[in-house]
Amino acid sequence: MNQVVVYSRPGCHLCEEAVDALVTLRNDGYRFELHEVDIESEEALLRRMLEKIPVVEVDGEIVSELVLDETAVRARLDTVGA
């Protein structure tokens, strides 16, 4: 099953919107496991991603940064056989 990871931090409204949209994608029939990673859990993640969140990866490939690009996420999921 495909893995979708959202890098986020508490209180980030764009991150919350991205997660909500991804849950909707799953409800629309896309099959993937959704994981949320708090960038504040590791100093290196915080430094690397703070200005980019939410960052969305599909199977290890970054497909969206800052504002969820749902079209890019759908295209990647379609490409990897969702």
N, C-alpha and C. Protein backbone atom coordinates (compact mmCIF):
# COMPACT_ATOMS: atom_id res chain seq x y z
N MET A 1 0.85 -1.19 0.00
CA MET A 1 0.00 0.00 0.00
C MET A 1 0.89 1.24 0.00
N ASN A 2 0.44 2.26 -0.70
CA ASN A 2 1.19 3.51 -0.78
C ASN A 2 1.26 4.20 0.58
N GLN A 3 2.35 4.91 0.78
CA GLN A 3 2.58 5.66 2.02
C GLN A 3 2.55 7.15 1.71
N VAL A 4 1.70 7.88 2.40
CA VAL A 4 1.65 9.33 2.28
C VAL A 4 2.04 9.90 3.63
N VAL A 5 3.04 10.79 3.61
CA VAL A 5 3.52 11.41 4.84
C VAL A 5 3.32 12.91 4.73
N VAL A 6 2.75 13.49 5.79
CA VAL A 6 2.59 14.93 5.88
C VAL A 6 3.50 15.42 6.99
N TYR A 7 4.45 16.27 6.65
CA TYR A 7 5.30 16.91 7.65
C TYR A 7 4.61 18.19 8.06
N SER A 8 4.40 18.34 9.37
CA SER A 8 3.62 19.46 9.88
C SER A 8 4.10 19.84 11.26
N ARG A 9 3.40 20.79 11.85
CA ARG A 9 3.67 21.15 13.25
C ARG A 9 2.36 21.59 13.88
N PRO A 10 2.25 21.49 15.20
CA PRO A 10 1.02 21.89 15.88
C PRO A 10 0.68 23.35 15.60
N GLY A 11 -0.61 23.60 15.41
CA GLY A 11 -1.09 24.96 15.19
C GLY A 11 -0.98 25.46 13.77
N CYS A 12 -0.53 24.62 12.86
CA CYS A 12 -0.37 25.02 11.45
C CYS A 12 -1.69 24.77 10.73
N HIS A 13 -2.41 25.84 10.41
CA HIS A 13 -3.72 25.65 9.76
C HIS A 13 -3.59 25.08 8.36
N LEU A 14 -2.53 25.41 7.63
CA LEU A 14 -2.33 24.83 6.31
C LEU A 14 -2.09 23.32 6.41
N CYS A 15 -1.40 22.91 7.47
CA CYS A 15 -1.16 21.48 7.69
C CYS A 15 -2.47 20.75 7.98
N GLU A 16 -3.29 21.35 8.80
CA GLU A 16 -4.59 20.75 9.12
C GLU A 16 -5.44 20.62 7.87
N GLU A 17 -5.42 21.65 7.03
CA GLU A 17 -6.19 21.60 5.78
C GLU A 17 -5.65 20.51 4.86
N ALA A 18 -4.34 20.35 4.80
CA ALA A 18 -3.74 19.32 3.96
C ALA A 18 -4.16 17.93 4.43
N VAL A 19 -4.10 17.69 5.73
CA VAL A 19 -4.49 16.39 6.27
C VAL A 19 -5.97 16.13 5.97
N ASP A 20 -6.82 17.13 6.17
CA ASP A 20 -8.25 16.97 5.88
C ASP A 20 -8.48 16.61 4.42
N ALA A 21 -7.76 17.29 3.51
CA ALA A 21 -7.91 17.01 2.08
C ALA A 21 -7.44 15.61 1.74
N LEU A 22 -6.36 15.16 2.39
CA LEU A 22 -5.86 13.80 2.14
C LEU A 22 -6.83 12.75 2.66
N VAL A 23 -7.46 13.01 3.79
CA VAL A 23 -8.47 12.09 4.31
C VAL A 23 -9.64 12.02 3.32
N THR A 24 -10.01 13.14 2.75
CA THR A 24 -11.07 13.17 1.75
C THR A 24 -10.68 12.34 0.53
N LEU A 25 -9.41 12.45 0.10
CA LEU A 25 -8.95 11.63 -1.02
C LEU A 25 -9.12 10.15 -0.72
N ARG A 26 -8.77 9.76 0.49
CA ARG A 26 -8.95 8.35 0.88
C ARG A 26 -10.42 7.96 0.83
N ASN A 27 -11.27 8.86 1.31
CA ASN A 27 -12.71 8.59 1.30
C ASN A 27 -13.25 8.52 -0.13
N ASP A 28 -12.55 9.17 -1.07
CA ASP A 28 -12.94 9.15 -2.47
C ASP A 28 -12.44 7.90 -3.20
N GLY A 29 -11.72 7.02 -2.50
CA GLY A 29 -11.32 5.76 -3.10
C GLY A 29 -9.82 5.55 -3.28
N TYR A 30 -9.02 6.58 -3.04
CA TYR A 30 -7.57 6.38 -3.13
C TYR A 30 -7.12 5.57 -1.93
N ARG A 31 -6.26 4.59 -2.18
CA ARG A 31 -5.80 3.71 -1.10
C ARG A 31 -4.37 4.07 -0.73
N PHE A 32 -4.18 4.50 0.51
CA PHE A 32 -2.85 4.80 1.02
C PHE A 32 -2.89 4.89 2.53
N GLU A 33 -1.73 4.66 3.13
CA GLU A 33 -1.59 4.87 4.57
C GLU A 33 -1.14 6.30 4.77
N LEU A 34 -1.76 7.00 5.70
CA LEU A 34 -1.46 8.40 5.96
C LEU A 34 -0.75 8.52 7.30
N HIS A 35 0.41 9.17 7.26
CA HIS A 35 1.19 9.40 8.47
C HIS A 35 1.48 10.89 8.59
N GLU A 36 1.37 11.40 9.79
CA GLU A 36 1.70 12.79 10.03
C GLU A 36 2.94 12.84 10.92
N VAL A 37 3.94 13.63 10.52
CA VAL A 37 5.18 13.75 11.27
C VAL A 37 5.30 15.18 11.76
N ASP A 38 5.44 15.33 13.07
CA ASP A 38 5.62 16.64 13.69
C ASP A 38 7.08 17.05 13.51
N ILE A 39 7.31 18.11 12.75
CA ILE A 39 8.69 18.53 12.49
C ILE A 39 9.39 19.04 13.74
N GLU A 40 8.62 19.35 14.77
CA GLU A 40 9.23 19.80 16.02
C GLU A 40 9.82 18.64 16.83
N SER A 41 9.59 17.40 16.35
CA SER A 41 10.11 16.23 17.06
C SER A 41 11.61 16.06 16.86
N GLU A 42 12.16 16.68 15.81
CA GLU A 42 13.60 16.58 15.53
C GLU A 42 14.10 17.94 15.06
N GLU A 43 15.18 18.39 15.64
CA GLU A 43 15.75 19.70 15.28
C GLU A 43 16.08 19.78 13.79
N ALA A 44 16.62 18.71 13.23
CA ALA A 44 16.98 18.71 11.80
C ALA A 44 15.74 18.88 10.92
N LEU A 45 14.66 18.19 11.26
CA LEU A 45 13.41 18.34 10.50
C LEU A 45 12.89 19.76 10.60
N LEU A 46 12.92 20.30 11.80
CA LEU A 46 12.43 21.66 12.01
C LEU A 46 13.19 22.65 11.15
N ARG A 47 14.51 22.56 11.17
CA ARG A 47 15.33 23.48 10.37
C ARG A 47 15.09 23.30 8.88
N ARG A 48 14.97 22.05 8.44
CA ARG A 48 14.86 21.76 7.01
C ARG A 48 13.48 22.10 6.44
N MET A 49 12.43 21.96 7.25
CA MET A 49 11.08 22.05 6.70
C MET A 49 10.22 23.20 7.21
N LEU A 50 10.69 23.95 8.17
CA LEU A 50 9.85 24.97 8.80
C LEU A 50 9.19 25.90 7.80
N GLU A 51 9.93 26.37 6.83
CA GLU A 51 9.40 27.34 5.86
C GLU A 51 8.63 26.68 4.72
N LYS A 52 8.51 25.35 4.73
CA LYS A 52 7.90 24.63 3.62
C LYS A 52 6.61 23.91 3.99
N ILE A 53 6.29 23.78 5.27
CA ILE A 53 5.16 22.94 5.68
C ILE A 53 3.83 23.54 5.24
N PRO A 54 2.87 22.68 4.96
CA PRO A 54 2.96 21.23 4.98
C PRO A 54 3.74 20.69 3.78
N VAL A 55 4.57 19.72 4.06
CA VAL A 55 5.29 19.00 3.01
C VAL A 55 4.65 17.62 2.92
N VAL A 56 4.29 17.23 1.69
CA VAL A 56 3.62 15.94 1.49
C VAL A 56 4.51 15.06 0.61
N GLU A 57 4.77 13.87 1.11
CA GLU A 57 5.52 12.86 0.36
C GLU A 57 4.59 11.71 0.01
N VAL A 58 4.76 11.18 -1.17
CA VAL A 58 4.08 9.95 -1.57
C VAL A 58 5.17 8.94 -1.89
N ASP A 59 5.19 7.88 -1.11
CA ASP A 59 6.20 6.83 -1.27
C ASP A 59 7.61 7.40 -1.34
N GLY A 60 7.90 8.35 -0.45
CA GLY A 60 9.25 8.91 -0.34
C GLY A 60 9.57 10.06 -1.26
N GLU A 61 8.66 10.41 -2.16
CA GLU A 61 8.89 11.50 -3.10
C GLU A 61 8.06 12.72 -2.69
N ILE A 62 8.72 13.87 -2.51
CA ILE A 62 7.99 15.09 -2.17
C ILE A 62 7.17 15.51 -3.38
N VAL A 63 5.87 15.68 -3.17
CA VAL A 63 4.98 16.07 -4.26
C VAL A 63 4.29 17.40 -4.00
N SER A 64 4.42 17.93 -2.79
CA SER A 64 3.75 19.18 -2.47
C SER A 64 4.43 19.85 -1.29
N GLU A 65 4.55 21.18 -1.38
CA GLU A 65 5.10 21.98 -0.29
C GLU A 65 4.28 23.25 -0.13
N LEU A 66 4.20 23.73 1.10
CA LEU A 66 3.58 25.00 1.49
C LEU A 66 2.06 25.00 1.44
N VAL A 67 1.49 24.80 0.27
CA VAL A 67 0.04 24.68 0.13
C VAL A 67 -0.19 23.37 -0.60
N LEU A 68 -1.11 22.56 -0.11
CA LEU A 68 -1.33 21.24 -0.71
C LEU A 68 -1.66 21.37 -2.18
N ASP A 69 -0.89 20.67 -3.00
CA ASP A 69 -1.15 20.57 -4.43
C ASP A 69 -1.86 19.23 -4.64
N GLU A 70 -3.17 19.27 -4.52
CA GLU A 70 -3.95 18.03 -4.58
C GLU A 70 -3.82 17.36 -5.94
N THR A 71 -3.69 18.15 -6.99
CA THR A 71 -3.53 17.59 -8.33
C THR A 71 -2.24 16.78 -8.42
N ALA A 72 -1.16 17.30 -7.84
CA ALA A 72 0.12 16.59 -7.86
C ALA A 72 0.04 15.32 -7.02
N VAL A 73 -0.64 15.38 -5.90
CA VAL A 73 -0.80 14.20 -5.05
C VAL A 73 -1.59 13.13 -5.79
N ARG A 74 -2.69 13.52 -6.40
CA ARG A 74 -3.50 12.57 -7.17
C ARG A 74 -2.69 11.95 -8.31
N ALA A 75 -1.94 12.79 -9.01
CA ALA A 75 -1.14 12.30 -10.14
C ALA A 75 -0.11 11.29 -9.67
N ARG A 76 0.55 11.57 -8.55
CA ARG A 76 1.55 10.63 -8.04
C ARG A 76 0.90 9.33 -7.59
N LEU A 77 -0.22 9.44 -6.90
CA LEU A 77 -0.93 8.22 -6.48
C LEU A 77 -1.38 7.41 -7.69
N ASP A 78 -1.85 8.09 -8.73
CA ASP A 78 -2.26 7.38 -9.95
C ASP A 78 -1.07 6.69 -10.60
N THR A 79 0.08 7.35 -10.57
CA THR A 79 1.30 6.82 -11.19
C THR A 79 1.80 5.57 -10.47
N VAL A 80 1.69 5.57 -9.14
CA VAL A 80 2.22 4.43 -8.37
C VAL A 80 1.15 3.36 -8.15
N GLY A 81 0.01 3.51 -8.82
CA GLY A 81 -0.98 2.43 -8.80
C GLY A 81 -1.99 2.49 -7.70
N ALA A 82 -2.38 3.68 -7.28
CA ALA A 82 -3.39 3.81 -6.22
C ALA A 82 -4.73 3.34 -6.71
